[in-house]
Amino acid sequence: MKSAVHRCRDVEHGRGQAASGAETGTSCLQVEQRIPISKDVITASTASAMWFIRDVCGIVCAIITWLLVLYAEFVVLFVMLLPSKNLTYSIINGTLFNTLAFLALASHLRAMCTDPGAVPKGNATKEYIESLQLKPGQVVYKCPKCCSIKPDRAHHCSVCKRCIRKMDHHCPWVNNCVGENNQKYFVLFTMYIALISLHALVMVVFHFLYCFEDDWTKCSSFSPPATVILLILLCFEGLLFLIFTSVMFGTQVHSICTDETGIERLKGETGKWGKVPCWEAMQTAFGGPFSLSWCSPFSELSCRKGPADHISIPQGEIIKEDIIEIPLA
């Protein structure tokens, strides 16, 4: 993260204030020694219960994700399992695959429709800042794009048009940012997609071996050419998404353990805050001590700190300055 003096200079340069150079230099030196506001101070959210980003690219990618899972479901059931002569094999693999697919789609929905940690929009008012009861010597930063007070480690997303707390990245496949509140669901989504991809690949290999040993006309309800094409497409899809989601899963777990988001690594904003131990960070991200609820996309994140949603924000005129010192002028 840039130092306060650098951020102050960037703001002054962007606004074209060349005058009062001596005064600006003095102000920057003062800001450098001031304490930024913690992200835990600004936690109120005015977002509705349903969070959904109206982005055409993201919506298309989300629909494609569901269609690909449904295609895999179709091939697994109607090409490999139902025509199989081994009932036990079909029941076990069908139950396992359908359970993992259901959890993957449920995790996708939760990641897409959960507020990732959006900072209240348009709260950069004198009345709201005074309601925070900050101490003299602190400094707050206003996002010039969404006119919100930015906590530490919050970044503005140009797609969501909001500042997101602990934003890792914006993922079009879930049509949402991956942030403080929905990172667990994104991790579960990548994990379950990787598992069903691996499971589908294993079943494709066994089905090919079965068809080579038996008559191709009896190992599937479709013609041999159609069966081969469907299996090859599923194999390609499974291999592609196994690699992609496994890498994403590992990256997200590494980000949680190191308490460092992807956008912070990209911008070089490392070592600017007190990092928490790996296990504590995992418990925070997944909602409590280790249990089976870590693997459930239906469990709420119970250990989130901060007040409840829908807290009223004092209204007033938006402050023009991007760097606001306490006490207010």
C-alpha atoms as a PDB file:
ATOM      1  CA  MET A   1       0.000   0.000   0.000  1.00  0.00           C
ATOM      2  CA  LYS A   2       1.271   3.440  -0.781  1.00  0.00           C
ATOM      3  CA  SER A   3       2.380   5.519   2.153  1.00  0.00           C
ATOM      4  CA  ALA A   4       0.174   8.383   3.225  1.00  0.00           C
ATOM      5  CA  VAL A   5       2.578  10.930   1.831  1.00  0.00           C
ATOM      6  CA  HIS A   6       2.567   9.249  -1.584  1.00  0.00           C
ATOM      7  CA  ARG A   7      -1.222   8.991  -1.609  1.00  0.00           C
ATOM      8  CA  CYS A   8      -1.472  12.640  -0.658  1.00  0.00           C
ATOM      9  CA  ARG A   9       0.845  13.623  -3.486  1.00  0.00           C
ATOM     10  CA  ASP A  10      -1.083  11.492  -5.957  1.00  0.00           C
ATOM     11  CA  VAL A  11      -4.356  13.155  -5.012  1.00  0.00           C
ATOM     12  CA  GLU A  12      -2.918  16.624  -5.217  1.00  0.00           C
ATOM     13  CA  HIS A  13      -1.321  15.872  -8.588  1.00  0.00           C
ATOM     14  CA  GLY A  14      -4.519  14.338  -9.973  1.00  0.00           C
ATOM     15  CA  ARG A  15      -6.571  17.355  -9.008  1.00  0.00           C
ATOM     16  CA  GLY A  16      -4.055  19.717 -10.611  1.00  0.00           C
ATOM     17  CA  GLN A  17      -3.384  21.811  -7.519  1.00  0.00           C
ATOM     18  CA  ALA A  18      -0.010  23.212  -8.323  1.00  0.00           C
ATOM     19  CA  ALA A  19      -0.444  26.250  -6.111  1.00  0.00           C
ATOM     20  CA  SER A  20       0.468  26.468  -2.449  1.00  0.00           C
ATOM     21  CA  GLY A  21       3.378  24.082  -2.856  1.00  0.00           C
ATOM     22  CA  ALA A  22       4.847  24.830   0.541  1.00  0.00           C
ATOM     23  CA  GLU A  23       1.521  24.319   2.282  1.00  0.00           C
ATOM     24  CA  THR A  24       0.933  21.046   0.420  1.00  0.00           C
ATOM     25  CA  GLY A  25       4.335  19.729   1.431  1.00  0.00           C
ATOM     26  CA  THR A  26       3.639  20.563   5.063  1.00  0.00           C
ATOM     27  CA  SER A  27       0.216  18.913   4.922  1.00  0.00           C
ATOM     28  CA  CYS A  28       1.695  15.769   3.365  1.00  0.00           C
ATOM     29  CA  LEU A  29       4.314  15.480   6.072  1.00  0.00           C
ATOM     30  CA  GLN A  30       1.602  15.755   8.698  1.00  0.00           C
ATOM     31  CA  VAL A  31      -0.549  13.118   7.002  1.00  0.00           C
ATOM     32  CA  GLU A  32       2.429  10.753   6.805  1.00  0.00           C
ATOM     33  CA  GLN A  33       2.562  10.639  10.611  1.00  0.00           C
ATOM     34  CA  ARG A  34      -1.179  10.205  11.061  1.00  0.00           C
ATOM     35  CA  ILE A  35      -2.936   6.900  11.689  1.00  0.00           C
ATOM     36  CA  PRO A  36      -5.189   5.529   8.891  1.00  0.00           C
ATOM     37  CA  ILE A  37      -8.649   4.420   9.915  1.00  0.00           C
ATOM     38  CA  SER A  38      -9.024   0.702  10.513  1.00  0.00           C
ATOM     39  CA  LYS A  39     -11.349  -1.390   8.367  1.00  0.00           C
ATOM     40  CA  ASP A  40     -13.124  -2.559  11.525  1.00  0.00           C
ATOM     41  CA  VAL A  41     -14.400   0.968  12.202  1.00  0.00           C
ATOM     42  CA  ILE A  42     -16.403   1.189   8.982  1.00  0.00           C
ATOM     43  CA  THR A  43     -18.476  -1.984   8.829  1.00  0.00           C
ATOM     44  CA  ALA A  44     -22.028  -0.802   8.330  1.00  0.00           C
ATOM     45  CA  SER A  45     -23.568  -1.857   5.039  1.00  0.00           C
ATOM     46  CA  THR A  46     -26.575  -0.458   3.247  1.00  0.00           C
ATOM     47  CA  ALA A  47     -26.715  -3.285   0.715  1.00  0.00           C
ATOM     48  CA  SER A  48     -29.950  -5.186   0.288  1.00  0.00           C
ATOM     49  CA  ALA A  49     -30.335  -8.819   1.345  1.00  0.00           C
ATOM     50  CA  MET A  50     -29.914  -9.920  -2.279  1.00  0.00           C
ATOM     51  CA  TRP A  51     -26.665  -8.944  -3.935  1.00  0.00           C
ATOM     52  CA  PHE A  52     -26.466  -9.250  -7.712  1.00  0.00           C
ATOM     53  CA  ILE A  53     -24.187  -7.472 -10.177  1.00  0.00           C
ATOM     54  CA  ARG A  54     -25.841  -6.472 -13.449  1.00  0.00           C
ATOM     55  CA  ASP A  55     -22.822  -7.081 -15.659  1.00  0.00           C
ATOM     56  CA  VAL A  56     -23.476  -8.659 -19.067  1.00  0.00           C
ATOM     57  CA  CYS A  57     -20.097 -10.409 -19.256  1.00  0.00           C
ATOM     58  CA  GLY A  58     -20.437 -11.780 -15.730  1.00  0.00           C
ATOM     59  CA  ILE A  59     -24.000 -13.001 -16.283  1.00  0.00           C
ATOM     60  CA  VAL A  60     -22.980 -14.782 -19.500  1.00  0.00           C
ATOM     61  CA  CYS A  61     -19.997 -16.419 -17.761  1.00  0.00           C
ATOM     62  CA  ALA A  62     -22.196 -17.525 -14.857  1.00  0.00           C
ATOM     63  CA  ILE A  63     -24.726 -19.066 -17.259  1.00  0.00           C
ATOM     64  CA  ILE A  64     -21.918 -20.840 -19.133  1.00  0.00           C
ATOM     65  CA  THR A  65     -20.661 -22.248 -15.829  1.00  0.00           C
ATOM     66  CA  TRP A  66     -24.060 -23.777 -15.066  1.00  0.00           C
ATOM     67  CA  LEU A  67     -24.426 -25.130 -18.619  1.00  0.00           C
ATOM     68  CA  LEU A  68     -21.035 -26.835 -18.426  1.00  0.00           C
ATOM     69  CA  VAL A  69     -21.946 -28.496 -15.122  1.00  0.00           C
ATOM     70  CA  LEU A  70     -25.299 -29.595 -16.562  1.00  0.00           C
ATOM     71  CA  TYR A  71     -23.533 -31.010 -19.645  1.00  0.00           C
ATOM     72  CA  ALA A  72     -21.240 -33.044 -17.419  1.00  0.00           C
ATOM     73  CA  GLU A  73     -24.294 -34.203 -15.490  1.00  0.00           C
ATOM     74  CA  PHE A  74     -25.981 -35.313 -18.719  1.00  0.00           C
ATOM     75  CA  VAL A  75     -22.990 -37.288 -19.996  1.00  0.00           C
ATOM     76  CA  VAL A  76     -22.270 -38.931 -16.652  1.00  0.00           C
ATOM     77  CA  LEU A  77     -25.861 -40.049 -16.141  1.00  0.00           C
ATOM     78  CA  PHE A  78     -27.121 -40.902 -19.620  1.00  0.00           C
ATOM     79  CA  VAL A  79     -23.918 -42.041 -21.311  1.00  0.00           C
ATOM     80  CA  MET A  80     -21.987 -43.779 -18.534  1.00  0.00           C
ATOM     81  CA  LEU A  81     -24.053 -44.648 -15.458  1.00  0.00           C
ATOM     82  CA  LEU A  82     -27.589 -45.536 -16.593  1.00  0.00           C
ATOM     83  CA  PRO A  83     -26.472 -47.919 -19.389  1.00  0.00           C
ATOM     84  CA  SER A  84     -24.042 -49.645 -17.000  1.00  0.00           C
ATOM     85  CA  LYS A  85     -24.816 -53.238 -16.069  1.00  0.00           C
ATOM     86  CA  ASN A  86     -23.274 -52.804 -12.610  1.00  0.00           C
ATOM     87  CA  LEU A  87     -26.039 -51.294 -10.459  1.00  0.00           C
ATOM     88  CA  THR A  88     -23.803 -50.764  -7.414  1.00  0.00           C
ATOM     89  CA  TYR A  89     -21.236 -48.896  -9.519  1.00  0.00           C
ATOM     90  CA  SER A  90     -23.961 -46.650 -10.952  1.00  0.00           C
ATOM     91  CA  ILE A  91     -25.565 -45.887  -7.575  1.00  0.00           C
ATOM     92  CA  ILE A  92     -22.305 -45.077  -5.784  1.00  0.00           C
ATOM     93  CA  ASN A  93     -20.833 -42.919  -8.534  1.00  0.00           C
ATOM     94  CA  GLY A  94     -24.160 -41.272  -9.361  1.00  0.00           C
ATOM     95  CA  THR A  95     -24.744 -40.315  -5.733  1.00  0.00           C
ATOM     96  CA  LEU A  96     -21.209 -39.001  -5.297  1.00  0.00           C
ATOM     97  CA  PHE A  97     -21.153 -37.012  -8.530  1.00  0.00           C
ATOM     98  CA  ASN A  98     -24.594 -35.480  -8.023  1.00  0.00           C
ATOM     99  CA  THR A  99     -23.791 -34.503  -4.439  1.00  0.00           C
ATOM    100  CA  LEU A 100     -20.570 -32.771  -5.471  1.00  0.00           C
ATOM    101  CA  ALA A 101     -22.302 -31.062  -8.407  1.00  0.00           C
ATOM    102  CA  PHE A 102     -25.095 -29.819  -6.140  1.00  0.00           C
ATOM    103  CA  LEU A 103     -22.587 -28.418  -3.632  1.00  0.00           C
ATOM    104  CA  ALA A 104     -20.615 -26.782  -6.454  1.00  0.00           C
ATOM    105  CA  LEU A 105     -23.678 -25.008  -7.850  1.00  0.00           C
ATOM    106  CA  ALA A 106     -24.848 -24.017  -4.368  1.00  0.00           C
ATOM    107  CA  SER A 107     -21.403 -22.559  -3.634  1.00  0.00           C
ATOM    108  CA  HIS A 108     -21.532 -20.714  -6.956  1.00  0.00           C
ATOM    109  CA  LEU A 109     -24.886 -19.164  -6.047  1.00  0.00           C
ATOM    110  CA  ARG A 110     -23.671 -18.114  -2.605  1.00  0.00           C
ATOM    111  CA  ALA A 111     -20.483 -16.588  -4.045  1.00  0.00           C
ATOM    112  CA  MET A 112     -22.505 -14.732  -6.688  1.00  0.00           C
ATOM    113  CA  CYS A 113     -25.351 -13.492  -4.479  1.00  0.00           C
ATOM    114  CA  THR A 114     -23.425 -12.633  -1.301  1.00  0.00           C
ATOM    115  CA  ASP A 115     -22.267  -9.092  -0.612  1.00  0.00           C
ATOM    116  CA  PRO A 116     -18.457  -9.475  -0.837  1.00  0.00           C
ATOM    117  CA  GLY A 117     -17.908  -6.708   1.704  1.00  0.00           C
ATOM    118  CA  ALA A 118     -19.057  -3.529  -0.009  1.00  0.00           C
ATOM    119  CA  VAL A 119     -18.372  -0.280   1.784  1.00  0.00           C
ATOM    120  CA  PRO A 120     -21.492   1.931   2.107  1.00  0.00           C
ATOM    121  CA  LYS A 121     -21.772   4.146  -0.946  1.00  0.00           C
ATOM    122  CA  GLY A 122     -21.880   7.934  -0.605  1.00  0.00           C
ATOM    123  CA  ASN A 123     -21.083   8.034   3.118  1.00  0.00           C
ATOM    124  CA  ALA A 124     -18.212  10.533   2.826  1.00  0.00           C
ATOM    125  CA  THR A 125     -20.127  13.198   4.733  1.00  0.00           C
ATOM    126  CA  LYS A 126     -19.103  15.300   7.709  1.00  0.00           C
ATOM    127  CA  GLU A 127     -22.050  13.965   9.710  1.00  0.00           C
ATOM    128  CA  TYR A 128     -21.076  10.328   9.122  1.00  0.00           C
ATOM    129  CA  ILE A 129     -17.401  10.881   9.925  1.00  0.00           C
ATOM    130  CA  GLU A 130     -18.336  12.646  13.154  1.00  0.00           C
ATOM    131  CA  SER A 131     -20.595   9.713  14.076  1.00  0.00           C
ATOM    132  CA  LEU A 132     -17.539   7.398  13.935  1.00  0.00           C
ATOM    133  CA  GLN A 133     -16.099   9.250  16.955  1.00  0.00           C
ATOM    134  CA  LEU A 134     -12.543   9.042  15.675  1.00  0.00           C
ATOM    135  CA  LYS A 135      -9.622  10.346  17.689  1.00  0.00           C
ATOM    136  CA  PRO A 136      -7.533  13.370  16.668  1.00  0.00           C
ATOM    137  CA  GLY A 137      -4.545  12.244  14.665  1.00  0.00           C
ATOM    138  CA  GLN A 138      -6.444   9.801  12.499  1.00  0.00           C
ATOM    139  CA  VAL A 139      -6.997  10.305   8.807  1.00  0.00           C
ATOM    140  CA  VAL A 140      -9.673   8.862   6.516  1.00  0.00           C
ATOM    141  CA  TYR A 141      -9.589   8.468   2.742  1.00  0.00           C
ATOM    142  CA  LYS A 142     -12.508   9.080   0.424  1.00  0.00           C
ATOM    143  CA  CYS A 143     -12.937   7.066  -2.756  1.00  0.00           C
ATOM    144  CA  PRO A 144     -13.512   9.653  -5.486  1.00  0.00           C
ATOM    145  CA  LYS A 145     -15.455   7.124  -7.589  1.00  0.00           C
ATOM    146  CA  CYS A 146     -18.147   5.954  -5.157  1.00  0.00           C
ATOM    147  CA  CYS A 147     -17.810   8.786  -2.599  1.00  0.00           C
ATOM    148  CA  SER A 148     -17.352   6.377   0.293  1.00  0.00           C
ATOM    149  CA  ILE A 149     -14.966   6.370   3.225  1.00  0.00           C
ATOM    150  CA  LYS A 150     -12.399   3.657   2.497  1.00  0.00           C
ATOM    151  CA  PRO A 151     -11.212   1.428   5.342  1.00  0.00           C
ATOM    152  CA  ASP A 152      -7.737  -0.070   5.235  1.00  0.00           C
ATOM    153  CA  ARG A 153      -7.317  -2.880   2.665  1.00  0.00           C
ATOM    154  CA  ALA A 154     -10.418  -1.837   0.720  1.00  0.00           C
ATOM    155  CA  HIS A 155     -10.194  -1.402  -3.059  1.00  0.00           C
ATOM    156  CA  HIS A 156     -12.589  -0.018  -5.631  1.00  0.00           C
ATOM    157  CA  CYS A 157     -14.006  -2.448  -8.204  1.00  0.00           C
ATOM    158  CA  SER A 158     -14.842  -0.848 -11.537  1.00  0.00           C
ATOM    159  CA  VAL A 159     -17.356  -3.610 -12.352  1.00  0.00           C
ATOM    160  CA  CYS A 160     -19.227  -3.647  -9.032  1.00  0.00           C
ATOM    161  CA  LYS A 161     -18.774   0.151  -8.804  1.00  0.00           C
ATOM    162  CA  ARG A 162     -18.144  -0.205  -5.079  1.00  0.00           C
ATOM    163  CA  CYS A 163     -15.215  -0.306  -2.679  1.00  0.00           C
ATOM    164  CA  ILE A 164     -14.813  -3.894  -1.423  1.00  0.00           C
ATOM    165  CA  ARG A 165     -13.180  -4.817   1.872  1.00  0.00           C
ATOM    166  CA  LYS A 166     -10.235  -7.217   1.419  1.00  0.00           C
ATOM    167  CA  MET A 167     -10.984  -7.489  -2.293  1.00  0.00           C
ATOM    168  CA  ASP A 168      -8.999 -10.350  -3.837  1.00  0.00           C
ATOM    169  CA  HIS A 169     -10.200  -9.997  -7.426  1.00  0.00           C
ATOM    170  CA  HIS A 170     -13.337  -9.698  -9.536  1.00  0.00           C
ATOM    171  CA  CYS A 171     -14.277 -13.079 -10.964  1.00  0.00           C
ATOM    172  CA  PRO A 172     -16.579 -13.061 -14.018  1.00  0.00           C
ATOM    173  CA  TRP A 173     -17.346 -16.774 -13.532  1.00  0.00           C
ATOM    174  CA  VAL A 174     -19.241 -15.948 -10.337  1.00  0.00           C
ATOM    175  CA  ASN A 175     -20.239 -12.468 -11.573  1.00  0.00           C
ATOM    176  CA  ASN A 176     -18.974 -10.915  -8.360  1.00  0.00           C
ATOM    177  CA  CYS A 177     -15.942  -9.732  -6.464  1.00  0.00           C
ATOM    178  CA  VAL A 178     -14.188 -12.172  -4.159  1.00  0.00           C
ATOM    179  CA  GLY A 179     -13.903 -10.308  -0.879  1.00  0.00           C
ATOM    180  CA  GLU A 180     -14.128 -10.518   2.868  1.00  0.00           C
ATOM    181  CA  ASN A 181     -17.677 -11.899   3.056  1.00  0.00           C
ATOM    182  CA  ASN A 182     -17.818 -14.437   0.209  1.00  0.00           C
ATOM    183  CA  GLN A 183     -14.277 -15.813  -0.096  1.00  0.00           C
ATOM    184  CA  LYS A 184     -15.333 -19.033   1.645  1.00  0.00           C
ATOM    185  CA  TYR A 185     -18.011 -19.709  -0.969  1.00  0.00           C
ATOM    186  CA  PHE A 186     -15.578 -19.035  -3.814  1.00  0.00           C
ATOM    187  CA  VAL A 187     -13.047 -21.452  -2.275  1.00  0.00           C
ATOM    188  CA  LEU A 188     -15.757 -24.117  -1.940  1.00  0.00           C
ATOM    189  CA  PHE A 189     -16.872 -23.504  -5.528  1.00  0.00           C
ATOM    190  CA  THR A 190     -13.360 -24.067  -6.897  1.00  0.00           C
ATOM    191  CA  MET A 191     -12.861 -27.115  -4.676  1.00  0.00           C
ATOM    192  CA  TYR A 192     -16.102 -28.848  -5.671  1.00  0.00           C
ATOM    193  CA  ILE A 193     -15.622 -28.079  -9.381  1.00  0.00           C
ATOM    194  CA  ALA A 194     -12.126 -29.579  -9.173  1.00  0.00           C
ATOM    195  CA  LEU A 195     -13.516 -32.691  -7.447  1.00  0.00           C
ATOM    196  CA  ILE A 196     -16.330 -33.304  -9.955  1.00  0.00           C
ATOM    197  CA  SER A 197     -13.868 -32.720 -12.807  1.00  0.00           C
ATOM    198  CA  LEU A 198     -11.504 -35.331 -11.370  1.00  0.00           C
ATOM    199  CA  HIS A 199     -14.383 -37.727 -10.742  1.00  0.00           C
ATOM    200  CA  ALA A 200     -15.683 -37.301 -14.294  1.00  0.00           C
ATOM    201  CA  LEU A 201     -12.221 -37.952 -15.761  1.00  0.00           C
ATOM    202  CA  VAL A 202     -11.853 -41.160 -13.773  1.00  0.00           C
ATOM    203  CA  MET A 203     -15.277 -42.380 -14.886  1.00  0.00           C
ATOM    204  CA  VAL A 204     -14.494 -41.536 -18.534  1.00  0.00           C
ATOM    205  CA  VAL A 205     -11.320 -43.655 -18.377  1.00  0.00           C
ATOM    206  CA  PHE A 206     -13.206 -46.610 -16.873  1.00  0.00           C
ATOM    207  CA  HIS A 207     -16.007 -46.255 -19.397  1.00  0.00           C
ATOM    208  CA  PHE A 208     -13.594 -46.267 -22.338  1.00  0.00           C
ATOM    209  CA  LEU A 209     -11.953 -49.421 -20.989  1.00  0.00           C
ATOM    210  CA  TYR A 210     -15.364 -51.005 -20.500  1.00  0.00           C
ATOM    211  CA  CYS A 211     -16.439 -50.158 -24.045  1.00  0.00           C
ATOM    212  CA  PHE A 212     -13.213 -51.480 -25.546  1.00  0.00           C
ATOM    213  CA  GLU A 213     -13.723 -54.810 -23.810  1.00  0.00           C
ATOM    214  CA  ASP A 214     -17.434 -55.014 -24.591  1.00  0.00           C
ATOM    215  CA  ASP A 215     -19.553 -54.166 -27.610  1.00  0.00           C
ATOM    216  CA  TRP A 216     -19.728 -50.390 -28.213  1.00  0.00           C
ATOM    217  CA  THR A 217     -23.402 -50.707 -29.121  1.00  0.00           C
ATOM    218  CA  LYS A 218     -24.168 -52.066 -25.641  1.00  0.00           C
ATOM    219  CA  CYS A 219     -22.086 -49.749 -23.449  1.00  0.00           C
ATOM    220  CA  SER A 220     -24.137 -46.644 -24.200  1.00  0.00           C
ATOM    221  CA  SER A 221     -27.634 -45.572 -25.158  1.00  0.00           C
ATOM    222  CA  PHE A 222     -26.176 -43.503 -28.011  1.00  0.00           C
ATOM    223  CA  SER A 223     -24.442 -44.585 -31.206  1.00  0.00           C
ATOM    224  CA  PRO A 224     -20.700 -45.318 -30.963  1.00  0.00           C
ATOM    225  CA  PRO A 225     -19.642 -42.094 -32.782  1.00  0.00           C
ATOM    226  CA  ALA A 226     -21.926 -39.965 -30.607  1.00  0.00           C
ATOM    227  CA  THR A 227     -20.678 -41.723 -27.467  1.00  0.00           C
ATOM    228  CA  VAL A 228     -17.049 -41.094 -28.383  1.00  0.00           C
ATOM    229  CA  ILE A 229     -17.686 -37.407 -29.128  1.00  0.00           C
ATOM    230  CA  LEU A 230     -19.607 -36.864 -25.874  1.00  0.00           C
ATOM    231  CA  LEU A 231     -16.904 -38.582 -23.815  1.00  0.00           C
ATOM    232  CA  ILE A 232     -14.061 -36.696 -25.493  1.00  0.00           C
ATOM    233  CA  LEU A 233     -15.791 -33.355 -24.895  1.00  0.00           C
ATOM    234  CA  LEU A 234     -16.378 -34.273 -21.252  1.00  0.00           C
ATOM    235  CA  CYS A 235     -12.752 -35.360 -20.926  1.00  0.00           C
ATOM    236  CA  PHE A 236     -11.541 -32.055 -22.373  1.00  0.00           C
ATOM    237  CA  GLU A 237     -13.885 -30.059 -20.136  1.00  0.00           C
ATOM    238  CA  GLY A 238     -12.919 -32.028 -17.027  1.00  0.00           C
ATOM    239  CA  LEU A 239      -9.181 -31.699 -17.663  1.00  0.00           C
ATOM    240  CA  LEU A 240      -9.406 -27.974 -18.379  1.00  0.00           C
ATOM    241  CA  PHE A 241     -11.462 -27.129 -15.309  1.00  0.00           C
ATOM    242  CA  LEU A 242      -9.524 -29.497 -13.071  1.00  0.00           C
ATOM    243  CA  ILE A 243      -6.330 -27.571 -13.796  1.00  0.00           C
ATOM    244  CA  PHE A 244      -7.969 -24.126 -13.648  1.00  0.00           C
ATOM    245  CA  THR A 245      -9.962 -24.616 -10.437  1.00  0.00           C
ATOM    246  CA  SER A 246      -7.145 -26.486  -8.676  1.00  0.00           C
ATOM    247  CA  VAL A 247      -4.827 -23.544  -9.281  1.00  0.00           C
ATOM    248  CA  MET A 248      -7.501 -21.084  -8.119  1.00  0.00           C
ATOM    249  CA  PHE A 249      -8.214 -23.181  -5.020  1.00  0.00           C
ATOM    250  CA  GLY A 250      -4.542 -23.306  -4.094  1.00  0.00           C
ATOM    251  CA  THR A 251      -4.147 -19.578  -4.726  1.00  0.00           C
ATOM    252  CA  GLN A 252      -7.111 -18.700  -2.521  1.00  0.00           C
ATOM    253  CA  VAL A 253      -5.997 -20.938   0.346  1.00  0.00           C
ATOM    254  CA  HIS A 254      -2.511 -19.405   0.111  1.00  0.00           C
ATOM    255  CA  SER A 255      -4.029 -15.903   0.205  1.00  0.00           C
ATOM    256  CA  ILE A 256      -6.027 -16.764   3.318  1.00  0.00           C
ATOM    257  CA  CYS A 257      -3.059 -18.355   5.099  1.00  0.00           C
ATOM    258  CA  THR A 258      -0.743 -15.434   4.323  1.00  0.00           C
ATOM    259  CA  ASP A 259      -3.479 -12.845   5.069  1.00  0.00           C
ATOM    260  CA  GLU A 260      -2.726 -11.183   1.758  1.00  0.00           C
ATOM    261  CA  THR A 261      -5.149 -10.712  -1.127  1.00  0.00           C
ATOM    262  CA  GLY A 262      -4.313 -11.068  -4.795  1.00  0.00           C
ATOM    263  CA  ILE A 263      -4.737  -7.364  -5.513  1.00  0.00           C
ATOM    264  CA  GLU A 264      -2.452  -6.510  -2.578  1.00  0.00           C
ATOM    265  CA  ARG A 265       0.275  -8.753  -3.983  1.00  0.00           C
ATOM    266  CA  LEU A 266      -0.228  -7.260  -7.443  1.00  0.00           C
ATOM    267  CA  LYS A 267       0.137  -3.693  -6.133  1.00  0.00           C
ATOM    268  CA  GLY A 268       2.955  -4.546  -3.761  1.00  0.00           C
ATOM    269  CA  GLU A 269       0.897  -3.636  -0.703  1.00  0.00           C
ATOM    270  CA  THR A 270       2.532  -6.219   1.547  1.00  0.00           C
ATOM    271  CA  GLY A 271       3.684  -5.961   5.134  1.00  0.00           C
ATOM    272  CA  LYS A 272       1.666  -2.795   5.795  1.00  0.00           C
ATOM    273  CA  TRP A 273      -0.613  -4.346   8.399  1.00  0.00           C
ATOM    274  CA  GLY A 274      -0.407  -6.787  11.278  1.00  0.00           C
ATOM    275  CA  LYS A 275      -0.917 -10.209   9.736  1.00  0.00           C
ATOM    276  CA  VAL A 276      -2.755 -12.899  11.668  1.00  0.00           C
ATOM    277  CA  PRO A 277      -1.527 -16.525  11.951  1.00  0.00           C
ATOM    278  CA  CYS A 278      -2.563 -18.982   9.250  1.00  0.00           C
ATOM    279  CA  TRP A 279      -5.001 -21.027  11.340  1.00  0.00           C
ATOM    280  CA  GLU A 280      -6.658 -17.933  12.782  1.00  0.00           C
ATOM    281  CA  ALA A 281      -7.051 -16.525   9.273  1.00  0.00           C
ATOM    282  CA  MET A 282      -8.630 -19.787   8.103  1.00  0.00           C
ATOM    283  CA  GLN A 283     -11.104 -19.730  11.001  1.00  0.00           C
ATOM    284  CA  THR A 284     -12.024 -16.133  10.200  1.00  0.00           C
ATOM    285  CA  ALA A 285     -12.525 -16.870   6.504  1.00  0.00           C
ATOM    286  CA  PHE A 286     -14.576 -20.040   7.068  1.00  0.00           C
ATOM    287  CA  GLY A 287     -16.651 -18.799   9.989  1.00  0.00           C
ATOM    288  CA  GLY A 288     -15.324 -20.417  13.139  1.00  0.00           C
ATOM    289  CA  PRO A 289     -13.411 -23.421  14.513  1.00  0.00           C
ATOM    290  CA  PHE A 290     -12.817 -26.343  12.180  1.00  0.00           C
ATOM    291  CA  SER A 291     -15.939 -28.431  11.584  1.00  0.00           C
ATOM    292  CA  LEU A 292     -17.977 -29.913   8.748  1.00  0.00           C
ATOM    293  CA  SER A 293     -19.594 -26.496   8.307  1.00  0.00           C
ATOM    294  CA  TRP A 294     -16.371 -25.395   6.599  1.00  0.00           C
ATOM    295  CA  CYS A 295     -17.397 -27.570   3.645  1.00  0.00           C
ATOM    296  CA  SER A 296     -21.008 -26.376   3.588  1.00  0.00           C
ATOM    297  CA  PRO A 297     -22.091 -23.478   1.367  1.00  0.00           C
ATOM    298  CA  PHE A 298     -25.246 -23.162   3.481  1.00  0.00           C
ATOM    299  CA  SER A 299     -23.576 -22.232   6.766  1.00  0.00           C
ATOM    300  CA  GLU A 300     -23.292 -18.560   7.616  1.00  0.00           C
ATOM    301  CA  LEU A 301     -20.015 -16.891   8.501  1.00  0.00           C
ATOM    302  CA  SER A 302     -20.701 -16.574  12.203  1.00  0.00           C
ATOM    303  CA  CYS A 303     -17.444 -15.019  13.377  1.00  0.00           C
ATOM    304  CA  ARG A 304     -17.693 -11.824  11.354  1.00  0.00           C
ATOM    305  CA  LYS A 305     -16.936  -8.790  13.497  1.00  0.00           C
ATOM    306  CA  GLY A 306     -18.947  -5.629  13.341  1.00  0.00           C
ATOM    307  CA  PRO A 307     -22.500  -4.356  13.738  1.00  0.00           C
ATOM    308  CA  ALA A 308     -25.504  -5.636  11.851  1.00  0.00           C
ATOM    309  CA  ASP A 309     -26.459  -4.539   8.378  1.00  0.00           C
ATOM    310  CA  HIS A 310     -28.862  -1.726   7.483  1.00  0.00           C
ATOM    311  CA  ILE A 311     -27.381   0.752   9.964  1.00  0.00           C
ATOM    312  CA  SER A 312     -28.648   4.247   9.232  1.00  0.00           C
ATOM    313  CA  ILE A 313     -26.008   6.596   7.898  1.00  0.00           C
ATOM    314  CA  PRO A 314     -26.263  10.292   8.779  1.00  0.00           C
ATOM    315  CA  GLN A 315     -27.053  12.235   5.627  1.00  0.00           C
ATOM    316  CA  GLY A 316     -25.225  15.315   4.482  1.00  0.00           C
ATOM    317  CA  GLU A 317     -23.177  16.875   1.738  1.00  0.00           C
ATOM    318  CA  ILE A 318     -20.318  14.827   0.280  1.00  0.00           C
ATOM    319  CA  ILE A 319     -16.925  16.149   1.366  1.00  0.00           C
ATOM    320  CA  LYS A 320     -14.819  17.280  -1.584  1.00  0.00           C
ATOM    321  CA  GLU A 321     -11.393  16.366  -0.195  1.00  0.00           C
ATOM    322  CA  ASP A 322     -10.032  12.876  -0.838  1.00  0.00           C
ATOM    323  CA  ILE A 323      -7.894  12.914   2.320  1.00  0.00           C
ATOM    324  CA  ILE A 324      -9.791  13.966   5.432  1.00  0.00           C
ATOM    325  CA  GLU A 325      -7.982  14.728   8.674  1.00  0.00           C
ATOM    326  CA  ILE A 326      -9.458  14.409  12.145  1.00  0.00           C
ATOM    327  CA  PRO A 327     -10.641  16.711  13.651  1.00  0.00           C
ATOM    328  CA  LEU A 328     -12.597  18.025  10.698  1.00  0.00           C
ATOM    329  CA  ALA A 329     -12.012  21.593   9.636  1.00  0.00           C
END
